[in-house]
Amino acid sequence: MDDLNDLTTPYDYSNREYGTVPPDTQREPFRWVSEIAYKNVHRIVARGYDTTELVESGYGVVDMLFVDFQARIPLVEEEQMLNYVMILSLDDGLSPPAVLSRTVAQSRTLLTQACGASILAFGHAYGAYSAFGKRLDTYLQRAGEQGKTTTEMAQVLVGKHLSEEGLGVSNLMLNDPAARRMFARAEQLGVAGKYIAFMKQIVEEAQKHGSEPVDLDMLGATGATMMDLGFSPEAAWAIAAVTRTFAAGAHATRSDTDPEGRLRWSR
């Protein structure tokens, strides 16, 4: 497998032990068990996959997210869709996380503190992937239990939650096609499922009953797409937060090292 059998590598990958190795009696024992991953002197294993073998075979970070969170290698179309979602989630211009990151960086803190400040803004309104996803699951389950159609349940959901910021429907994307293009891409790749279908019904109901024009926003698009890819609401939240941290780091670095990159408040 590529260069794993190269004689210059520090370990004989062809004949290395599988599973754990005998404890080292020369040092204090350490016991830490996880169903997600383990390591020994020869290998790091995530969900049963040797990470060195995966990367040598051409798998990347997006593939490893499926491995860590779902214990499986994704389909090509699923990998492409998650890559699409993460790129759109990475930066959003001078949005709240970027502003927070730049503001904290200007106080000469550690870079990690500036990045952390940006994603700590994730809550039940901004970046509400967990609350959003759990709501979809709750109402879809209720539809099955009560014998209602998803259209009927969308009406119930909108009637109760229309005024909430974490609905996934708002006036933020009226002139920006990014959210709807995400759904279109999921349908094109064949990965759209029940969550995207339900979210479309929610948008239709919100547009009928809202007092102002609304449309699908990035929370609704990203959350529903991630769940159709098999990620839980919490997993979607974690992946979105860490993805945004890359951009927060870029904003913080620019703000901290280059005076010309610092925030300027318009008057």
C-alpha atoms as a PDB file:
ATOM      1  CA  MET A   1       0.000   0.000   0.000  1.00  0.00           C
ATOM      2  CA  ASP A   2       1.911   3.003  -1.337  1.00  0.00           C
ATOM      3  CA  ASP A   3       5.061   3.461   0.754  1.00  0.00           C
ATOM      4  CA  LEU A   4       3.995   1.553   3.895  1.00  0.00           C
ATOM      5  CA  ASN A   5       6.471  -1.216   3.055  1.00  0.00           C
ATOM      6  CA  ASP A   6       9.341   1.210   2.483  1.00  0.00           C
ATOM      7  CA  LEU A   7      12.375   0.022   4.464  1.00  0.00           C
ATOM      8  CA  THR A   8      12.978   3.567   5.684  1.00  0.00           C
ATOM      9  CA  THR A   9       9.729   3.672   7.666  1.00  0.00           C
ATOM     10  CA  PRO A  10      10.240   3.303  11.440  1.00  0.00           C
ATOM     11  CA  TYR A  11       7.921   0.266  11.771  1.00  0.00           C
ATOM     12  CA  ASP A  12       7.266  -2.890   9.791  1.00  0.00           C
ATOM     13  CA  TYR A  13       3.701  -2.133   8.807  1.00  0.00           C
ATOM     14  CA  SER A  14       3.238  -5.471   7.064  1.00  0.00           C
ATOM     15  CA  ASN A  15       3.837  -7.497  10.223  1.00  0.00           C
ATOM     16  CA  ARG A  16       2.812  -5.166  13.027  1.00  0.00           C
ATOM     17  CA  GLU A  17       0.527  -6.302  15.839  1.00  0.00           C
ATOM     18  CA  TYR A  18      -3.193  -5.799  15.555  1.00  0.00           C
ATOM     19  CA  GLY A  19      -5.139  -4.676  18.587  1.00  0.00           C
ATOM     20  CA  THR A  20      -3.409  -3.601  21.771  1.00  0.00           C
ATOM     21  CA  VAL A  21       0.141  -4.573  22.709  1.00  0.00           C
ATOM     22  CA  PRO A  22       1.492  -5.903  26.021  1.00  0.00           C
ATOM     23  CA  PRO A  23       1.789  -3.199  28.712  1.00  0.00           C
ATOM     24  CA  ASP A  24       5.132  -1.488  29.139  1.00  0.00           C
ATOM     25  CA  THR A  25       6.255  -2.510  32.614  1.00  0.00           C
ATOM     26  CA  GLN A  26       8.964   0.154  32.662  1.00  0.00           C
ATOM     27  CA  ARG A  27       6.548   3.056  33.136  1.00  0.00           C
ATOM     28  CA  GLU A  28       3.430   3.965  35.069  1.00  0.00           C
ATOM     29  CA  PRO A  29       0.433   2.239  33.442  1.00  0.00           C
ATOM     30  CA  PHE A  30      -2.196   4.318  31.733  1.00  0.00           C
ATOM     31  CA  ARG A  31      -5.670   2.979  31.023  1.00  0.00           C
ATOM     32  CA  TRP A  32      -7.932   4.912  28.695  1.00  0.00           C
ATOM     33  CA  VAL A  33     -10.570   3.165  26.636  1.00  0.00           C
ATOM     34  CA  SER A  34     -12.675   4.592  23.823  1.00  0.00           C
ATOM     35  CA  GLU A  35     -14.924   2.929  21.295  1.00  0.00           C
ATOM     36  CA  ILE A  36     -13.909   5.648  18.836  1.00  0.00           C
ATOM     37  CA  ALA A  37     -10.146   5.219  18.745  1.00  0.00           C
ATOM     38  CA  TYR A  38      -7.065   3.722  20.329  1.00  0.00           C
ATOM     39  CA  LYS A  39      -3.337   3.829  19.673  1.00  0.00           C
ATOM     40  CA  ASN A  40      -0.197   1.838  20.389  1.00  0.00           C
ATOM     41  CA  VAL A  41       3.422   2.182  19.331  1.00  0.00           C
ATOM     42  CA  HIS A  42       2.586   0.978  15.828  1.00  0.00           C
ATOM     43  CA  ARG A  43      -0.687   2.528  14.823  1.00  0.00           C
ATOM     44  CA  ILE A  44      -3.622   4.818  15.523  1.00  0.00           C
ATOM     45  CA  VAL A  45      -6.966   3.125  14.966  1.00  0.00           C
ATOM     46  CA  ALA A  46     -10.246   5.002  14.522  1.00  0.00           C
ATOM     47  CA  ARG A  47     -13.405   2.888  14.519  1.00  0.00           C
ATOM     48  CA  GLY A  48     -11.355  -0.110  13.415  1.00  0.00           C
ATOM     49  CA  TYR A  49      -9.565   1.711  10.575  1.00  0.00           C
ATOM     50  CA  ASP A  50      -5.802   2.243  10.645  1.00  0.00           C
ATOM     51  CA  THR A  51      -5.508   5.991  10.049  1.00  0.00           C
ATOM     52  CA  THR A  52      -2.118   5.677   8.342  1.00  0.00           C
ATOM     53  CA  GLU A  53      -3.523   3.154   5.896  1.00  0.00           C
ATOM     54  CA  LEU A  54      -6.516   5.396   5.210  1.00  0.00           C
ATOM     55  CA  VAL A  55      -4.452   8.462   4.377  1.00  0.00           C
ATOM     56  CA  GLU A  56      -1.990   6.396   2.319  1.00  0.00           C
ATOM     57  CA  SER A  57      -4.985   5.111   0.339  1.00  0.00           C
ATOM     58  CA  GLY A  58      -6.070   8.646  -0.497  1.00  0.00           C
ATOM     59  CA  TYR A  59      -8.789   9.251   2.099  1.00  0.00           C
ATOM     60  CA  GLY A  60      -8.974  12.746   3.598  1.00  0.00           C
ATOM     61  CA  VAL A  61     -10.327  14.734   6.505  1.00  0.00           C
ATOM     62  CA  VAL A  62     -13.921  14.648   5.251  1.00  0.00           C
ATOM     63  CA  ASP A  63     -13.773  10.845   5.014  1.00  0.00           C
ATOM     64  CA  MET A  64     -12.411  10.667   8.560  1.00  0.00           C
ATOM     65  CA  LEU A  65     -15.404  12.625   9.851  1.00  0.00           C
ATOM     66  CA  PHE A  66     -17.661   9.834   8.609  1.00  0.00           C
ATOM     67  CA  VAL A  67     -15.324   7.274  10.165  1.00  0.00           C
ATOM     68  CA  ASP A  68     -15.199   8.986  13.562  1.00  0.00           C
ATOM     69  CA  PHE A  69     -18.877   9.908  13.822  1.00  0.00           C
ATOM     70  CA  GLN A  70     -20.506   7.058  11.877  1.00  0.00           C
ATOM     71  CA  ALA A  71     -17.898   4.259  11.788  1.00  0.00           C
ATOM     72  CA  ARG A  72     -18.016   3.992   8.000  1.00  0.00           C
ATOM     73  CA  ILE A  73     -16.317   5.114   4.804  1.00  0.00           C
ATOM     74  CA  PRO A  74     -18.664   7.499   2.955  1.00  0.00           C
ATOM     75  CA  LEU A  75     -19.905   7.118  -0.574  1.00  0.00           C
ATOM     76  CA  VAL A  76     -18.167   9.382  -3.089  1.00  0.00           C
ATOM     77  CA  GLU A  77     -21.333  11.505  -3.311  1.00  0.00           C
ATOM     78  CA  GLU A  78     -21.541  11.811   0.478  1.00  0.00           C
ATOM     79  CA  GLU A  79     -17.914  12.905   0.688  1.00  0.00           C
ATOM     80  CA  GLN A  80     -18.511  15.511  -1.997  1.00  0.00           C
ATOM     81  CA  MET A  81     -21.613  16.817  -0.218  1.00  0.00           C
ATOM     82  CA  LEU A  82     -19.949  17.157   3.175  1.00  0.00           C
ATOM     83  CA  ASN A  83     -17.002  18.902   1.538  1.00  0.00           C
ATOM     84  CA  TYR A  84     -19.500  21.313  -0.066  1.00  0.00           C
ATOM     85  CA  VAL A  85     -21.202  21.969   3.284  1.00  0.00           C
ATOM     86  CA  MET A  86     -17.922  22.539   5.125  1.00  0.00           C
ATOM     87  CA  ILE A  87     -16.599  24.985   2.538  1.00  0.00           C
ATOM     88  CA  LEU A  88     -19.776  27.072   2.779  1.00  0.00           C
ATOM     89  CA  SER A  89     -19.611  26.867   6.572  1.00  0.00           C
ATOM     90  CA  LEU A  90     -15.950  27.817   6.849  1.00  0.00           C
ATOM     91  CA  ASP A  91     -16.259  31.589   6.455  1.00  0.00           C
ATOM     92  CA  ASP A  92     -19.120  34.039   6.328  1.00  0.00           C
ATOM     93  CA  GLY A  93     -17.294  37.329   5.942  1.00  0.00           C
ATOM     94  CA  LEU A  94     -17.424  39.702   8.888  1.00  0.00           C
ATOM     95  CA  SER A  95     -20.157  37.728  10.617  1.00  0.00           C
ATOM     96  CA  PRO A  96     -20.422  37.430  14.445  1.00  0.00           C
ATOM     97  CA  PRO A  97     -17.717  34.716  14.799  1.00  0.00           C
ATOM     98  CA  ALA A  98     -15.226  36.674  12.702  1.00  0.00           C
ATOM     99  CA  VAL A  99     -15.899  39.877  14.620  1.00  0.00           C
ATOM    100  CA  LEU A 100     -15.539  38.082  17.948  1.00  0.00           C
ATOM    101  CA  SER A 101     -12.312  36.429  16.871  1.00  0.00           C
ATOM    102  CA  ARG A 102     -10.806  39.717  15.659  1.00  0.00           C
ATOM    103  CA  THR A 103     -11.975  41.606  18.749  1.00  0.00           C
ATOM    104  CA  VAL A 104     -10.462  39.091  21.164  1.00  0.00           C
ATOM    105  CA  ALA A 105      -7.243  38.868  19.119  1.00  0.00           C
ATOM    106  CA  GLN A 106      -6.747  42.642  19.441  1.00  0.00           C
ATOM    107  CA  SER A 107      -6.452  42.226  23.206  1.00  0.00           C
ATOM    108  CA  ARG A 108      -3.239  40.242  22.641  1.00  0.00           C
ATOM    109  CA  THR A 109      -4.624  36.908  23.857  1.00  0.00           C
ATOM    110  CA  LEU A 110      -3.624  33.474  22.662  1.00  0.00           C
ATOM    111  CA  LEU A 111      -4.823  32.513  19.187  1.00  0.00           C
ATOM    112  CA  THR A 112      -6.798  29.611  20.631  1.00  0.00           C
ATOM    113  CA  GLN A 113      -8.691  32.013  22.890  1.00  0.00           C
ATOM    114  CA  ALA A 114      -9.659  34.182  19.933  1.00  0.00           C
ATOM    115  CA  CYS A 115     -10.889  31.142  17.979  1.00  0.00           C
ATOM    116  CA  GLY A 116     -12.691  29.787  21.026  1.00  0.00           C
ATOM    117  CA  ALA A 117     -14.513  33.064  21.560  1.00  0.00           C
ATOM    118  CA  SER A 118     -15.970  32.857  18.060  1.00  0.00           C
ATOM    119  CA  ILE A 119     -17.482  29.395  18.367  1.00  0.00           C
ATOM    120  CA  LEU A 120     -18.657  29.989  21.928  1.00  0.00           C
ATOM    121  CA  ALA A 121     -21.225  32.229  20.259  1.00  0.00           C
ATOM    122  CA  PHE A 122     -22.927  29.067  18.991  1.00  0.00           C
ATOM    123  CA  GLY A 123     -26.214  28.770  20.831  1.00  0.00           C
ATOM    124  CA  HIS A 124     -29.895  28.212  20.257  1.00  0.00           C
ATOM    125  CA  ALA A 125     -30.201  31.151  17.861  1.00  0.00           C
ATOM    126  CA  TYR A 126     -26.852  31.555  16.105  1.00  0.00           C
ATOM    127  CA  GLY A 127     -25.499  28.210  14.901  1.00  0.00           C
ATOM    128  CA  ALA A 128     -28.324  26.312  16.568  1.00  0.00           C
ATOM    129  CA  TYR A 129     -27.606  23.016  14.843  1.00  0.00           C
ATOM    130  CA  SER A 130     -28.316  20.877  17.894  1.00  0.00           C
ATOM    131  CA  ALA A 131     -31.647  22.487  18.803  1.00  0.00           C
ATOM    132  CA  PHE A 132     -32.649  22.698  15.135  1.00  0.00           C
ATOM    133  CA  GLY A 133     -31.908  19.040  14.437  1.00  0.00           C
ATOM    134  CA  LYS A 134     -33.634  17.762  17.565  1.00  0.00           C
ATOM    135  CA  ARG A 135     -36.744  19.719  16.594  1.00  0.00           C
ATOM    136  CA  LEU A 136     -36.836  18.063  13.161  1.00  0.00           C
ATOM    137  CA  ASP A 137     -36.417  14.631  14.755  1.00  0.00           C
ATOM    138  CA  THR A 138     -39.142  15.329  17.320  1.00  0.00           C
ATOM    139  CA  TYR A 139     -41.741  16.383  14.764  1.00  0.00           C
ATOM    140  CA  LEU A 140     -40.910  13.632  12.269  1.00  0.00           C
ATOM    141  CA  GLN A 141     -41.236  11.056  15.038  1.00  0.00           C
ATOM    142  CA  ARG A 142     -44.487  12.634  16.144  1.00  0.00           C
ATOM    143  CA  ALA A 143     -45.813  12.435  12.576  1.00  0.00           C
ATOM    144  CA  GLY A 144     -45.257   8.689  12.594  1.00  0.00           C
ATOM    145  CA  GLU A 145     -46.765   8.183  16.039  1.00  0.00           C
ATOM    146  CA  GLN A 146     -49.861  10.282  15.304  1.00  0.00           C
ATOM    147  CA  GLY A 147     -50.395   9.013  11.773  1.00  0.00           C
ATOM    148  CA  LYS A 148     -49.993  12.479  10.256  1.00  0.00           C
ATOM    149  CA  THR A 149     -48.296  13.426   7.018  1.00  0.00           C
ATOM    150  CA  THR A 150     -45.093  15.434   7.118  1.00  0.00           C
ATOM    151  CA  THR A 151     -46.990  18.306   5.484  1.00  0.00           C
ATOM    152  CA  GLU A 152     -49.461  18.338   8.371  1.00  0.00           C
ATOM    153  CA  MET A 153     -46.638  18.162  10.885  1.00  0.00           C
ATOM    154  CA  ALA A 154     -44.828  21.038   9.140  1.00  0.00           C
ATOM    155  CA  GLN A 155     -47.960  23.122   9.675  1.00  0.00           C
ATOM    156  CA  VAL A 156     -47.936  22.256  13.388  1.00  0.00           C
ATOM    157  CA  LEU A 157     -44.218  23.022  13.722  1.00  0.00           C
ATOM    158  CA  VAL A 158     -44.467  26.385  11.972  1.00  0.00           C
ATOM    159  CA  GLY A 159     -47.533  27.323  13.985  1.00  0.00           C
ATOM    160  CA  LYS A 160     -45.581  26.855  17.193  1.00  0.00           C
ATOM    161  CA  HIS A 161     -42.077  27.980  16.243  1.00  0.00           C
ATOM    162  CA  LEU A 162     -42.483  30.542  13.441  1.00  0.00           C
ATOM    163  CA  SER A 163     -41.138  33.428  15.519  1.00  0.00           C
ATOM    164  CA  GLU A 164     -38.046  31.564  16.734  1.00  0.00           C
ATOM    165  CA  GLU A 165     -34.631  32.428  15.304  1.00  0.00           C
ATOM    166  CA  GLY A 166     -33.475  28.818  15.114  1.00  0.00           C
ATOM    167  CA  LEU A 167     -36.248  27.690  12.755  1.00  0.00           C
ATOM    168  CA  GLY A 168     -33.971  27.499   9.710  1.00  0.00           C
ATOM    169  CA  VAL A 169     -36.261  29.921   7.872  1.00  0.00           C
ATOM    170  CA  SER A 170     -35.681  33.682   7.990  1.00  0.00           C
ATOM    171  CA  ASN A 171     -35.229  36.822   5.901  1.00  0.00           C
ATOM    172  CA  LEU A 172     -31.435  36.441   5.852  1.00  0.00           C
ATOM    173  CA  MET A 173     -31.149  34.706   2.471  1.00  0.00           C
ATOM    174  CA  LEU A 174     -33.793  36.424   0.365  1.00  0.00           C
ATOM    175  CA  ASN A 175     -31.195  37.670  -2.111  1.00  0.00           C
ATOM    176  CA  ASP A 176     -28.578  34.977  -1.574  1.00  0.00           C
ATOM    177  CA  PRO A 177     -29.136  31.610  -3.316  1.00  0.00           C
ATOM    178  CA  ALA A 178     -26.507  29.720  -1.275  1.00  0.00           C
ATOM    179  CA  ALA A 179     -28.954  27.859   0.986  1.00  0.00           C
ATOM    180  CA  ARG A 180     -31.212  26.681  -1.836  1.00  0.00           C
ATOM    181  CA  ARG A 181     -28.189  25.766  -3.945  1.00  0.00           C
ATOM    182  CA  MET A 182     -27.049  23.472  -1.127  1.00  0.00           C
ATOM    183  CA  PHE A 183     -30.334  21.570  -1.316  1.00  0.00           C
ATOM    184  CA  ALA A 184     -30.063  21.470  -5.113  1.00  0.00           C
ATOM    185  CA  ARG A 185     -26.560  20.020  -4.846  1.00  0.00           C
ATOM    186  CA  ALA A 186     -27.731  17.361  -2.384  1.00  0.00           C
ATOM    187  CA  GLU A 187     -30.514  16.362  -4.774  1.00  0.00           C
ATOM    188  CA  GLN A 188     -28.102  16.328  -7.707  1.00  0.00           C
ATOM    189  CA  LEU A 189     -25.746  13.992  -5.810  1.00  0.00           C
ATOM    190  CA  GLY A 190     -28.617  11.772  -4.675  1.00  0.00           C
ATOM    191  CA  VAL A 191     -28.030  12.283  -0.941  1.00  0.00           C
ATOM    192  CA  ALA A 192     -31.155  14.338  -0.148  1.00  0.00           C
ATOM    193  CA  GLY A 193     -33.522  12.495   2.173  1.00  0.00           C
ATOM    194  CA  LYS A 194     -36.343  12.965   4.636  1.00  0.00           C
ATOM    195  CA  TYR A 195     -34.818  15.956   6.439  1.00  0.00           C
ATOM    196  CA  ILE A 196     -34.374  18.066   3.317  1.00  0.00           C
ATOM    197  CA  ALA A 197     -37.878  17.101   2.166  1.00  0.00           C
ATOM    198  CA  PHE A 198     -39.340  18.062   5.560  1.00  0.00           C
ATOM    199  CA  MET A 199     -37.382  21.313   5.639  1.00  0.00           C
ATOM    200  CA  LYS A 200     -38.803  22.280   2.243  1.00  0.00           C
ATOM    201  CA  GLN A 201     -42.311  21.785   3.630  1.00  0.00           C
ATOM    202  CA  ILE A 202     -41.462  23.921   6.655  1.00  0.00           C
ATOM    203  CA  VAL A 203     -40.253  26.716   4.361  1.00  0.00           C
ATOM    204  CA  GLU A 204     -43.479  26.568   2.337  1.00  0.00           C
ATOM    205  CA  GLU A 205     -45.619  26.793   5.483  1.00  0.00           C
ATOM    206  CA  ALA A 206     -43.543  29.664   6.894  1.00  0.00           C
ATOM    207  CA  GLN A 207     -43.907  31.588   3.644  1.00  0.00           C
ATOM    208  CA  LYS A 208     -47.693  31.150   3.785  1.00  0.00           C
ATOM    209  CA  HIS A 209     -48.118  32.325   7.358  1.00  0.00           C
ATOM    210  CA  GLY A 210     -45.270  34.791   7.954  1.00  0.00           C
ATOM    211  CA  SER A 211     -45.876  38.516   8.148  1.00  0.00           C
ATOM    212  CA  GLU A 212     -42.805  39.245   6.013  1.00  0.00           C
ATOM    213  CA  PRO A 213     -40.935  37.470   3.169  1.00  0.00           C
ATOM    214  CA  VAL A 214     -38.819  34.540   4.382  1.00  0.00           C
ATOM    215  CA  ASP A 215     -36.853  31.719   2.803  1.00  0.00           C
ATOM    216  CA  LEU A 216     -34.544  28.864   3.677  1.00  0.00           C
ATOM    217  CA  ASP A 217     -31.427  30.102   5.505  1.00  0.00           C
ATOM    218  CA  MET A 218     -28.018  28.488   6.024  1.00  0.00           C
ATOM    219  CA  LEU A 219     -28.966  26.987   9.386  1.00  0.00           C
ATOM    220  CA  GLY A 220     -31.887  25.164   7.792  1.00  0.00           C
ATOM    221  CA  ALA A 221     -29.897  24.121   4.726  1.00  0.00           C
ATOM    222  CA  THR A 222     -26.803  22.985   6.582  1.00  0.00           C
ATOM    223  CA  GLY A 223     -28.640  21.270   9.425  1.00  0.00           C
ATOM    224  CA  ALA A 224     -31.030  19.289   7.208  1.00  0.00           C
ATOM    225  CA  THR A 225     -28.276  18.318   4.769  1.00  0.00           C
ATOM    226  CA  MET A 226     -25.954  17.123   7.530  1.00  0.00           C
ATOM    227  CA  MET A 227     -28.712  14.993   9.020  1.00  0.00           C
ATOM    228  CA  ASP A 228     -29.497  13.449   5.636  1.00  0.00           C
ATOM    229  CA  LEU A 229     -25.797  12.541   5.491  1.00  0.00           C
ATOM    230  CA  GLY A 230     -26.323  10.556   8.695  1.00  0.00           C
ATOM    231  CA  PHE A 231     -24.904  12.959  11.277  1.00  0.00           C
ATOM    232  CA  SER A 232     -26.710  13.557  14.554  1.00  0.00           C
ATOM    233  CA  PRO A 233     -27.682  17.124  15.513  1.00  0.00           C
ATOM    234  CA  GLU A 234     -24.761  17.224  17.982  1.00  0.00           C
ATOM    235  CA  ALA A 235     -22.319  15.925  15.370  1.00  0.00           C
ATOM    236  CA  ALA A 236     -23.503  18.574  12.896  1.00  0.00           C
ATOM    237  CA  TRP A 237     -22.968  21.208  15.582  1.00  0.00           C
ATOM    238  CA  ALA A 238     -19.452  19.986  16.374  1.00  0.00           C
ATOM    239  CA  ILE A 239     -18.385  19.772  12.724  1.00  0.00           C
ATOM    240  CA  ALA A 240     -19.800  23.216  11.900  1.00  0.00           C
ATOM    241  CA  ALA A 241     -18.118  24.783  14.929  1.00  0.00           C
ATOM    242  CA  VAL A 242     -14.689  23.326  14.230  1.00  0.00           C
ATOM    243  CA  THR A 243     -14.968  24.185  10.534  1.00  0.00           C
ATOM    244  CA  ARG A 244     -15.746  27.801  11.387  1.00  0.00           C
ATOM    245  CA  THR A 245     -12.729  27.826  13.721  1.00  0.00           C
ATOM    246  CA  PHE A 246     -10.370  27.624  10.731  1.00  0.00           C
ATOM    247  CA  ALA A 247     -11.740  30.917   9.432  1.00  0.00           C
ATOM    248  CA  ALA A 248     -11.774  32.394  12.933  1.00  0.00           C
ATOM    249  CA  GLY A 249      -8.067  31.589  13.167  1.00  0.00           C
ATOM    250  CA  ALA A 250      -7.410  33.329   9.863  1.00  0.00           C
ATOM    251  CA  HIS A 251      -9.310  36.426  11.013  1.00  0.00           C
ATOM    252  CA  ALA A 252      -7.522  36.442  14.369  1.00  0.00           C
ATOM    253  CA  THR A 253      -4.088  36.044  12.778  1.00  0.00           C
ATOM    254  CA  ARG A 254      -4.745  38.826  10.298  1.00  0.00           C
ATOM    255  CA  SER A 255      -6.053  41.137  12.993  1.00  0.00           C
ATOM    256  CA  ASP A 256      -3.202  40.411  15.382  1.00  0.00           C
ATOM    257  CA  THR A 257      -0.251  40.619  12.985  1.00  0.00           C
ATOM    258  CA  ASP A 258      -1.312  43.314  10.541  1.00  0.00           C
ATOM    259  CA  PRO A 259      -2.652  46.654  11.781  1.00  0.00           C
ATOM    260  CA  GLU A 260      -4.246  47.175   8.369  1.00  0.00           C
ATOM    261  CA  GLY A 261      -6.324  44.041   8.961  1.00  0.00           C
ATOM    262  CA  ARG A 262      -7.916  45.292  12.163  1.00  0.00           C
ATOM    263  CA  LEU A 263     -11.574  46.072  12.432  1.00  0.00           C
ATOM    264  CA  ARG A 264     -12.734  49.488  11.379  1.00  0.00           C
ATOM    265  CA  TRP A 265     -16.131  50.539  12.617  1.00  0.00           C
ATOM    266  CA  SER A 266     -18.145  52.524  10.056  1.00  0.00           C
ATOM    267  CA  ARG A 267     -19.972  55.595  11.247  1.00  0.00           C
END
